[in-house]
């Protein structure tokens, strides 16, 4: 079982989301503190959401050559 196989992709998705929110907040407020708070909150929230969604699906261990419905 591959545990933490998608850690790099989780971090990449979260960093992209945090950068996007950070840019929007920075252009909207022109202040440093709200930008950092928004970016960090987005980073943490997206990591939690993506990891929870990944844990909600179990891998399919069925033989790929057999039909699922019989």
N, C-alpha and C. Protein backbone atom coordinates (compact mmCIF):
# COMPACT_ATOMS: atom_id res chain seq x y z
N UNK A 1 0.85 -1.18 0.00
CA UNK A 1 0.00 0.00 0.00
C UNK A 1 0.90 1.24 0.00
N UNK A 2 0.66 2.11 -0.94
CA UNK A 2 1.45 3.32 -1.03
C UNK A 2 0.85 4.38 -0.12
N UNK A 3 1.51 4.67 0.97
CA UNK A 3 1.05 5.69 1.90
C UNK A 3 1.81 6.97 1.60
N UNK A 4 1.13 8.08 1.60
CA UNK A 4 1.72 9.39 1.30
C UNK A 4 2.31 9.44 -0.11
N UNK A 5 1.72 8.70 -1.02
CA UNK A 5 2.22 8.68 -2.38
C UNK A 5 1.95 9.99 -3.10
N UNK A 6 0.90 10.68 -2.70
CA UNK A 6 0.52 11.90 -3.38
C UNK A 6 0.83 13.14 -2.56
N UNK A 7 1.78 13.07 -1.64
CA UNK A 7 2.09 14.21 -0.78
C UNK A 7 2.57 15.41 -1.59
N UNK A 8 3.40 15.16 -2.58
CA UNK A 8 3.91 16.26 -3.39
C UNK A 8 2.78 16.92 -4.18
N UNK A 9 1.85 16.14 -4.68
CA UNK A 9 0.73 16.73 -5.41
C UNK A 9 -0.20 17.49 -4.47
N UNK A 10 -0.37 16.99 -3.24
CA UNK A 10 -1.19 17.72 -2.26
C UNK A 10 -0.57 19.08 -1.97
N UNK A 11 0.72 19.11 -1.75
CA UNK A 11 1.40 20.37 -1.45
C UNK A 11 1.37 21.31 -2.65
N UNK A 12 1.50 20.77 -3.85
CA UNK A 12 1.47 21.61 -5.05
C UNK A 12 0.10 22.26 -5.23
N UNK A 13 -0.95 21.49 -5.07
CA UNK A 13 -2.31 22.03 -5.20
C UNK A 13 -2.55 23.09 -4.14
N UNK A 14 -2.11 22.84 -2.92
CA UNK A 14 -2.32 23.79 -1.84
C UNK A 14 -1.51 25.06 -2.04
N UNK A 15 -0.30 24.93 -2.53
CA UNK A 15 0.52 26.13 -2.79
C UNK A 15 -0.07 26.98 -3.91
N UNK A 16 -0.59 26.35 -4.94
CA UNK A 16 -1.20 27.10 -6.03
C UNK A 16 -2.44 27.84 -5.54
N UNK A 17 -3.26 27.17 -4.75
CA UNK A 17 -4.46 27.82 -4.20
C UNK A 17 -4.08 28.97 -3.28
N UNK A 18 -3.07 28.77 -2.43
CA UNK A 18 -2.65 29.82 -1.51
C UNK A 18 -2.06 31.01 -2.26
N UNK A 19 -1.30 30.75 -3.30
CA UNK A 19 -0.74 31.85 -4.09
C UNK A 19 -1.84 32.63 -4.80
N UNK A 20 -2.82 31.94 -5.31
CA UNK A 20 -3.94 32.59 -5.98
C UNK A 20 -4.70 33.51 -5.03
N UNK A 21 -5.03 32.99 -3.85
CA UNK A 21 -5.75 33.79 -2.86
C UNK A 21 -4.86 34.93 -2.37
N UNK A 22 -3.58 34.66 -2.18
CA UNK A 22 -2.66 35.70 -1.74
C UNK A 22 -2.58 36.86 -2.72
N UNK A 23 -2.54 36.56 -4.00
CA UNK A 23 -2.49 37.61 -5.01
C UNK A 23 -3.78 38.42 -5.02
N UNK A 24 -4.90 37.75 -4.92
CA UNK A 24 -6.19 38.46 -4.92
C UNK A 24 -6.31 39.36 -3.69
N UNK A 25 -5.94 38.84 -2.52
CA UNK A 25 -6.03 39.65 -1.30
C UNK A 25 -5.02 40.80 -1.35
N UNK A 26 -3.84 40.56 -1.88
CA UNK A 26 -2.83 41.61 -1.96
C UNK A 26 -3.28 42.76 -2.86
N UNK A 27 -3.89 42.43 -3.99
CA UNK A 27 -4.39 43.49 -4.87
C UNK A 27 -5.61 44.18 -4.27
N UNK A 28 -6.37 43.48 -3.47
CA UNK A 28 -7.56 44.07 -2.89
C UNK A 28 -7.29 44.97 -1.71
N UNK A 29 -6.33 44.59 -0.86
CA UNK A 29 -6.11 45.35 0.37
C UNK A 29 -4.83 46.17 0.37
N UNK A 30 -3.84 45.77 -0.40
CA UNK A 30 -2.53 46.43 -0.44
C UNK A 30 -1.85 46.43 0.93
N UNK A 31 -2.17 45.42 1.74
CA UNK A 31 -1.54 45.27 3.06
C UNK A 31 -0.93 43.88 3.17
N UNK A 32 0.12 43.79 3.99
CA UNK A 32 0.86 42.54 4.08
C UNK A 32 0.16 41.51 4.98
N UNK A 33 -0.33 41.94 6.14
CA UNK A 33 -0.87 41.00 7.11
C UNK A 33 -2.11 40.25 6.61
N UNK A 34 -3.10 40.93 6.04
CA UNK A 34 -4.26 40.16 5.53
C UNK A 34 -3.88 39.21 4.39
N UNK A 35 -2.87 39.60 3.63
CA UNK A 35 -2.42 38.73 2.53
C UNK A 35 -1.84 37.43 3.08
N UNK A 36 -0.98 37.54 4.08
CA UNK A 36 -0.36 36.35 4.67
C UNK A 36 -1.41 35.49 5.37
N UNK A 37 -2.32 36.12 6.10
CA UNK A 37 -3.35 35.37 6.81
C UNK A 37 -4.25 34.62 5.82
N UNK A 38 -4.66 35.28 4.77
CA UNK A 38 -5.51 34.64 3.76
C UNK A 38 -4.80 33.50 3.05
N UNK A 39 -3.53 33.72 2.70
CA UNK A 39 -2.77 32.67 2.01
C UNK A 39 -2.55 31.46 2.91
N UNK A 40 -2.19 31.70 4.16
CA UNK A 40 -1.97 30.57 5.07
C UNK A 40 -3.26 29.82 5.39
N UNK A 41 -4.34 30.55 5.57
CA UNK A 41 -5.62 29.89 5.82
C UNK A 41 -6.04 29.05 4.63
N UNK A 42 -5.82 29.55 3.43
CA UNK A 42 -6.15 28.79 2.22
C UNK A 42 -5.26 27.57 2.09
N UNK A 43 -3.97 27.72 2.39
CA UNK A 43 -3.05 26.59 2.31
C UNK A 43 -3.47 25.47 3.26
N UNK A 44 -3.74 25.82 4.50
CA UNK A 44 -4.12 24.81 5.49
C UNK A 44 -5.48 24.20 5.16
N UNK A 45 -6.42 25.03 4.77
CA UNK A 45 -7.74 24.52 4.43
C UNK A 45 -7.72 23.59 3.23
N UNK A 46 -6.95 23.94 2.21
CA UNK A 46 -6.91 23.09 1.02
C UNK A 46 -6.18 21.78 1.29
N UNK A 47 -5.15 21.81 2.13
CA UNK A 47 -4.46 20.55 2.50
C UNK A 47 -5.44 19.63 3.22
N UNK A 48 -6.20 20.17 4.15
CA UNK A 48 -7.16 19.36 4.91
C UNK A 48 -8.23 18.80 3.98
N UNK A 49 -8.76 19.63 3.09
CA UNK A 49 -9.83 19.18 2.19
C UNK A 49 -9.33 18.11 1.22
N UNK A 50 -8.18 18.32 0.62
CA UNK A 50 -7.66 17.35 -0.36
C UNK A 50 -7.30 16.03 0.33
N UNK A 51 -6.70 16.09 1.50
CA UNK A 51 -6.35 14.86 2.21
C UNK A 51 -7.60 14.10 2.67
N UNK A 52 -8.61 14.84 3.11
CA UNK A 52 -9.85 14.19 3.53
C UNK A 52 -10.55 13.53 2.35
N UNK A 53 -10.57 14.20 1.21
CA UNK A 53 -11.16 13.60 0.03
C UNK A 53 -10.39 12.35 -0.42
N UNK A 54 -9.08 12.37 -0.28
CA UNK A 54 -8.29 11.21 -0.65
C UNK A 54 -8.56 10.04 0.29
N UNK A 55 -8.75 10.31 1.57
CA UNK A 55 -9.03 9.25 2.52
C UNK A 55 -10.44 8.69 2.38
N UNK A 56 -11.32 9.42 1.75
CA UNK A 56 -12.70 8.96 1.64
C UNK A 56 -12.88 7.89 0.56
N UNK A 57 -11.92 7.71 -0.31
CA UNK A 57 -12.00 6.70 -1.36
C UNK A 57 -11.01 5.59 -1.06
N UNK A 58 -11.49 4.34 -1.14
CA UNK A 58 -10.58 3.23 -0.95
C UNK A 58 -10.14 2.72 -2.32
N UNK A 59 -8.93 2.21 -2.40
CA UNK A 59 -8.45 1.72 -3.69
C UNK A 59 -9.21 0.48 -4.13
N UNK A 60 -9.37 0.32 -5.41
CA UNK A 60 -10.08 -0.82 -5.97
C UNK A 60 -9.09 -1.96 -6.18
N UNK A 61 -9.30 -3.05 -5.44
CA UNK A 61 -8.39 -4.19 -5.52
C UNK A 61 -8.88 -5.29 -6.44
N UNK A 62 -9.91 -5.02 -7.20
CA UNK A 62 -10.47 -6.03 -8.10
C UNK A 62 -9.57 -6.20 -9.31
N UNK A 63 -9.62 -7.40 -9.87
CA UNK A 63 -8.86 -7.71 -11.07
C UNK A 63 -9.37 -6.85 -12.23
N UNK A 64 -8.49 -6.12 -12.93
CA UNK A 64 -8.96 -5.25 -14.01
C UNK A 64 -9.47 -6.01 -15.24
N UNK A 65 -9.19 -7.30 -15.33
CA UNK A 65 -9.63 -8.08 -16.49
C UNK A 65 -11.03 -8.68 -16.30
N UNK A 66 -11.58 -8.61 -15.09
CA UNK A 66 -12.91 -9.13 -14.83
C UNK A 66 -13.90 -7.98 -14.81
N UNK A 67 -15.08 -8.20 -15.34
CA UNK A 67 -16.10 -7.15 -15.28
C UNK A 67 -16.59 -6.94 -13.85
N UNK A 68 -16.94 -5.70 -13.53
CA UNK A 68 -17.40 -5.40 -12.18
C UNK A 68 -18.83 -5.89 -11.95
N UNK A 69 -19.65 -5.79 -12.96
CA UNK A 69 -21.03 -6.24 -12.85
C UNK A 69 -21.17 -7.59 -13.53
N UNK A 70 -21.77 -8.55 -12.82
CA UNK A 70 -21.95 -9.88 -13.42
C UNK A 70 -23.38 -10.26 -13.40
